[in-house]
Protein backbone atom coordinates (compact mmCIF):
# COMPACT_ATOMS: atom_id res chain seq x y z
CA UNK A 1 45.24 33.00 -7.96
CA UNK A 2 43.05 35.98 -9.14
CA UNK A 3 44.73 39.73 -7.62
CA UNK A 4 41.83 39.68 -4.59
CA UNK A 5 42.71 36.93 -2.76
CA UNK A 6 44.50 36.79 0.30
CA UNK A 7 46.96 35.27 1.99
CA UNK A 8 46.37 33.78 5.04
CA UNK A 9 48.81 31.41 6.89
CA UNK A 10 47.20 27.86 8.42
CA UNK A 11 48.14 25.50 10.79
CA UNK A 12 47.33 21.78 9.85
CA UNK A 13 47.96 18.60 12.17
CA UNK A 14 50.35 16.21 9.88
CA UNK A 15 47.79 13.52 9.46
CA UNK A 16 45.06 16.42 7.59
CA UNK A 17 47.85 18.04 6.07
CA UNK A 18 48.48 14.57 4.26
CA UNK A 19 45.03 14.05 3.65
CA UNK A 20 44.79 17.51 1.69
CA UNK A 21 48.24 17.03 -0.08
CA UNK A 22 46.73 13.66 -1.44
CA UNK A 23 43.56 15.24 -2.40
CA UNK A 24 45.06 18.01 -4.23
CA UNK A 25 46.62 16.00 -6.46
CA UNK A 26 44.33 13.10 -6.80
CA UNK A 27 41.57 16.01 -8.19
CA UNK A 28 44.49 17.75 -9.85
CA UNK A 29 43.68 21.13 -8.01
CA UNK A 30 45.61 23.19 -5.25
CA UNK A 31 45.93 23.03 -2.11
CA UNK A 32 44.23 26.47 -1.89
CA UNK A 33 41.58 25.65 -3.94
CA UNK A 34 40.51 22.37 -1.68
CA UNK A 35 40.45 24.27 1.25
CA UNK A 36 38.61 27.64 -0.19
CA UNK A 37 36.10 24.81 -1.34
CA UNK A 38 35.91 23.36 1.78
CA UNK A 39 35.66 25.76 3.73
CA UNK A 40 32.43 27.39 1.75
CA UNK A 41 30.79 24.53 2.22
CA UNK A 42 30.78 24.57 5.92
CA UNK A 43 29.80 28.48 5.48
CA UNK A 44 27.06 27.26 3.46
CA UNK A 45 25.82 24.74 5.73
CA UNK A 46 26.16 26.79 8.67
CA UNK A 47 23.59 29.00 6.40
CA UNK A 48 21.00 26.44 6.20
CA UNK A 49 21.46 26.06 10.01
CA UNK A 50 20.50 29.70 10.28
CA UNK A 51 17.97 30.03 8.38
CA UNK A 52 16.47 27.14 9.59
CA UNK A 53 17.00 28.40 13.45
CA UNK A 54 14.72 31.71 11.84
CA UNK A 55 11.84 29.70 10.31
CA UNK A 56 11.66 27.62 13.35
CA UNK A 57 12.12 30.89 16.07
CA UNK A 58 8.28 30.67 16.98
CA UNK A 59 7.74 27.52 16.90
CA UNK A 60 6.30 26.35 21.25
CA UNK A 61 8.67 25.03 22.83
CA UNK A 62 8.93 22.08 25.24
CA UNK A 63 11.09 21.55 28.40
CA UNK A 64 13.07 17.98 28.91
CA UNK A 65 10.51 16.85 30.91
CA UNK A 66 7.84 17.51 29.21
CA UNK A 67 9.31 15.94 26.36
CA UNK A 68 9.98 12.60 28.94
CA UNK A 69 6.33 13.04 29.90
CA UNK A 70 5.01 12.54 26.12
CA UNK A 71 7.33 9.82 25.42
CA UNK A 72 6.37 7.74 28.28
CA UNK A 73 2.54 8.18 27.17
CA UNK A 74 3.23 7.78 24.01
CA UNK A 75 4.51 3.89 24.98
CA UNK A 76 8.55 5.13 23.99
CA UNK A 77 9.74 5.36 26.80
């Protein structure tokens, strides 16, 4: 770990901890590295979702009722 790393206590369910230990051992990584990579992946996905929401913010909206009517008019319901 680098000097800039922060320590935190995280409580895992037993089965998640067991899977995490196995993943770390089979990939020759520390548990910390596996957890950091997983957190980075989730944060990246969140950023992608936020970007998609921003890009679509100006699109016209359709109410649920309008959606159902559209589906019905196109023979999908």
